[in-house]
Amino acid sequence: MRHTTILSLFIVALAVPIEALAQPDNSHSLGRQVALELCSSCHQVVEGQPLPRQNIASFFAIANLPSTTTLSLKVFLQSNHKEMPNLIVSESDSNILVGYILSLKRR
């Protein structure tokens, strides 16, 4: 009986990480949602989305620029730009957007 309990606990311990790996990455889902809400009127933020405006970089293009880093994106999101609306992005939304954009970088 005792061996069965130990074996059951061992199987459960192994199964939990496997299930966790199968779960979608909630931070990327949240980042995608924030990007759709704040940025998709000008930028292509998800694959398959029609280009909202010509001559405006997609998030995929931005992610794959050699200069794109966490710091460069945070500075960009906190700066005013002639061509962009003057959006006020909270620090938490900024962190989420940066994480989402960097997740689009080709490896």
C-alpha atoms as a PDB file:
ATOM      1  CA  MET A   1       0.000   0.000   0.000  1.00  0.00           C
ATOM      2  CA  ARG A   2       2.771   2.413   0.922  1.00  0.00           C
ATOM      3  CA  HIS A   3       4.571   1.825  -2.399  1.00  0.00           C
ATOM      4  CA  THR A   4       1.361   2.622  -4.273  1.00  0.00           C
ATOM      5  CA  THR A   5       1.033   5.970  -2.457  1.00  0.00           C
ATOM      6  CA  ILE A   6       4.640   6.891  -3.170  1.00  0.00           C
ATOM      7  CA  LEU A   7       4.268   5.855  -6.803  1.00  0.00           C
ATOM      8  CA  SER A   8       1.070   7.934  -7.109  1.00  0.00           C
ATOM      9  CA  LEU A   9       2.792  11.004  -5.655  1.00  0.00           C
ATOM     10  CA  PHE A  10       5.721  10.514  -8.039  1.00  0.00           C
ATOM     11  CA  ILE A  11       3.404  10.306 -11.062  1.00  0.00           C
ATOM     12  CA  VAL A  12       1.511  13.441  -9.974  1.00  0.00           C
ATOM     13  CA  ALA A  13       4.800  15.301  -9.480  1.00  0.00           C
ATOM     14  CA  LEU A  14       5.879  14.396 -13.008  1.00  0.00           C
ATOM     15  CA  ALA A  15       2.512  15.270 -14.548  1.00  0.00           C
ATOM     16  CA  VAL A  16       2.317  18.827 -13.189  1.00  0.00           C
ATOM     17  CA  PRO A  17       5.245  20.258 -15.161  1.00  0.00           C
ATOM     18  CA  ILE A  18       4.001  18.585 -18.343  1.00  0.00           C
ATOM     19  CA  GLU A  19       0.588  20.246 -17.944  1.00  0.00           C
ATOM     20  CA  ALA A  20       2.230  23.566 -17.159  1.00  0.00           C
ATOM     21  CA  LEU A  21       4.221  23.362 -20.377  1.00  0.00           C
ATOM     22  CA  ALA A  22       1.027  22.810 -22.339  1.00  0.00           C
ATOM     23  CA  GLN A  23      -0.588  25.987 -20.984  1.00  0.00           C
ATOM     24  CA  PRO A  24      -0.503  29.064 -23.224  1.00  0.00           C
ATOM     25  CA  ASP A  25       1.857  31.847 -22.180  1.00  0.00           C
ATOM     26  CA  ASN A  26      -0.512  34.295 -20.493  1.00  0.00           C
ATOM     27  CA  SER A  27       2.002  37.160 -20.606  1.00  0.00           C
ATOM     28  CA  HIS A  28       2.125  36.960 -24.410  1.00  0.00           C
ATOM     29  CA  SER A  29      -1.663  36.739 -24.615  1.00  0.00           C
ATOM     30  CA  LEU A  30      -1.952  39.803 -22.418  1.00  0.00           C
ATOM     31  CA  GLY A  31       0.728  41.581 -24.452  1.00  0.00           C
ATOM     32  CA  ARG A  32      -1.097  40.782 -27.663  1.00  0.00           C
ATOM     33  CA  GLN A  33      -4.346  42.149 -26.157  1.00  0.00           C
ATOM     34  CA  VAL A  34      -2.692  45.388 -24.995  1.00  0.00           C
ATOM     35  CA  ALA A  35      -1.046  45.782 -28.417  1.00  0.00           C
ATOM     36  CA  LEU A  36      -4.374  45.266 -30.171  1.00  0.00           C
ATOM     37  CA  GLU A  37      -6.077  47.839 -27.954  1.00  0.00           C
ATOM     38  CA  LEU A  38      -3.376  50.525 -28.012  1.00  0.00           C
ATOM     39  CA  CYS A  39      -1.383  50.049 -31.209  1.00  0.00           C
ATOM     40  CA  SER A  40      -3.323  48.163 -33.866  1.00  0.00           C
ATOM     41  CA  SER A  41      -4.968  51.230 -35.377  1.00  0.00           C
ATOM     42  CA  CYS A  42      -1.559  52.076 -36.854  1.00  0.00           C
ATOM     43  CA  HIS A  43       0.653  48.966 -36.542  1.00  0.00           C
ATOM     44  CA  GLN A  44       0.254  45.367 -37.592  1.00  0.00           C
ATOM     45  CA  VAL A  45       0.584  43.695 -34.192  1.00  0.00           C
ATOM     46  CA  VAL A  46      -0.543  40.121 -34.983  1.00  0.00           C
ATOM     47  CA  GLU A  47       0.001  37.865 -37.952  1.00  0.00           C
ATOM     48  CA  GLY A  48      -2.816  37.964 -40.452  1.00  0.00           C
ATOM     49  CA  GLN A  49      -3.932  41.456 -39.451  1.00  0.00           C
ATOM     50  CA  PRO A  50      -4.250  43.687 -42.499  1.00  0.00           C
ATOM     51  CA  LEU A  51      -1.794  46.584 -42.540  1.00  0.00           C
ATOM     52  CA  PRO A  52      -3.733  49.442 -40.933  1.00  0.00           C
ATOM     53  CA  ARG A  53      -1.482  52.101 -42.482  1.00  0.00           C
ATOM     54  CA  GLN A  54       1.152  52.078 -45.176  1.00  0.00           C
ATOM     55  CA  ASN A  55       4.777  52.873 -44.319  1.00  0.00           C
ATOM     56  CA  ILE A  56       4.357  52.120 -40.618  1.00  0.00           C
ATOM     57  CA  ALA A  57       6.495  49.312 -39.238  1.00  0.00           C
ATOM     58  CA  SER A  58       4.800  46.160 -38.039  1.00  0.00           C
ATOM     59  CA  PHE A  59       5.615  44.866 -34.582  1.00  0.00           C
ATOM     60  CA  PHE A  60       7.403  41.977 -36.316  1.00  0.00           C
ATOM     61  CA  ALA A  61       9.690  44.388 -38.183  1.00  0.00           C
ATOM     62  CA  ILE A  62      10.304  46.412 -35.024  1.00  0.00           C
ATOM     63  CA  ALA A  63      11.117  43.276 -33.019  1.00  0.00           C
ATOM     64  CA  ASN A  64      13.713  42.193 -35.546  1.00  0.00           C
ATOM     65  CA  LEU A  65      15.632  45.452 -35.796  1.00  0.00           C
ATOM     66  CA  PRO A  66      19.175  45.006 -34.443  1.00  0.00           C
ATOM     67  CA  SER A  67      18.614  48.035 -32.203  1.00  0.00           C
ATOM     68  CA  THR A  68      15.472  46.639 -30.554  1.00  0.00           C
ATOM     69  CA  THR A  69      16.121  45.913 -26.891  1.00  0.00           C
ATOM     70  CA  THR A  70      14.113  46.196 -23.713  1.00  0.00           C
ATOM     71  CA  LEU A  71      15.725  49.556 -22.997  1.00  0.00           C
ATOM     72  CA  SER A  72      15.236  50.971 -26.496  1.00  0.00           C
ATOM     73  CA  LEU A  73      11.548  50.002 -26.500  1.00  0.00           C
ATOM     74  CA  LYS A  74      10.934  51.480 -23.047  1.00  0.00           C
ATOM     75  CA  VAL A  75      12.608  54.747 -24.041  1.00  0.00           C
ATOM     76  CA  PHE A  76      10.600  54.836 -27.278  1.00  0.00           C
ATOM     77  CA  LEU A  77       7.305  54.263 -25.463  1.00  0.00           C
ATOM     78  CA  GLN A  78       8.064  57.128 -23.069  1.00  0.00           C
ATOM     79  CA  SER A  79       9.035  59.622 -25.788  1.00  0.00           C
ATOM     80  CA  ASN A  80       6.911  61.893 -27.958  1.00  0.00           C
ATOM     81  CA  HIS A  81       7.112  61.344 -31.706  1.00  0.00           C
ATOM     82  CA  LYS A  82       5.787  63.534 -34.524  1.00  0.00           C
ATOM     83  CA  GLU A  83       4.161  60.705 -36.422  1.00  0.00           C
ATOM     84  CA  MET A  84       2.598  58.953 -33.410  1.00  0.00           C
ATOM     85  CA  PRO A  85      -0.403  59.921 -31.324  1.00  0.00           C
ATOM     86  CA  ASN A  86       0.558  61.139 -27.884  1.00  0.00           C
ATOM     87  CA  LEU A  87      -0.393  57.981 -26.020  1.00  0.00           C
ATOM     88  CA  ILE A  88       0.130  57.700 -22.314  1.00  0.00           C
ATOM     89  CA  VAL A  89       1.109  54.100 -21.673  1.00  0.00           C
ATOM     90  CA  SER A  90       1.209  52.974 -18.058  1.00  0.00           C
ATOM     91  CA  GLU A  91       4.399  51.367 -16.797  1.00  0.00           C
ATOM     92  CA  SER A  92       2.707  47.979 -16.492  1.00  0.00           C
ATOM     93  CA  ASP A  93       1.279  48.195 -20.037  1.00  0.00           C
ATOM     94  CA  SER A  94       4.670  49.355 -21.282  1.00  0.00           C
ATOM     95  CA  ASN A  95       6.355  46.319 -19.698  1.00  0.00           C
ATOM     96  CA  ILE A  96       3.726  44.032 -21.199  1.00  0.00           C
ATOM     97  CA  LEU A  97       4.117  45.601 -24.669  1.00  0.00           C
ATOM     98  CA  VAL A  98       7.894  45.364 -24.521  1.00  0.00           C
ATOM     99  CA  GLY A  99       7.688  41.694 -23.571  1.00  0.00           C
ATOM    100  CA  TYR A 100       5.244  41.005 -26.384  1.00  0.00           C
ATOM    101  CA  ILE A 101       7.318  42.823 -29.009  1.00  0.00           C
ATOM    102  CA  LEU A 102      10.490  41.033 -27.938  1.00  0.00           C
ATOM    103  CA  SER A 103       8.630  37.699 -28.118  1.00  0.00           C
ATOM    104  CA  LEU A 104       8.181  38.333 -31.853  1.00  0.00           C
ATOM    105  CA  LYS A 105      11.936  38.441 -32.458  1.00  0.00           C
ATOM    106  CA  ARG A 106      13.128  35.671 -34.756  1.00  0.00           C
ATOM    107  CA  ARG A 107      15.662  33.480 -33.101  1.00  0.00           C
END
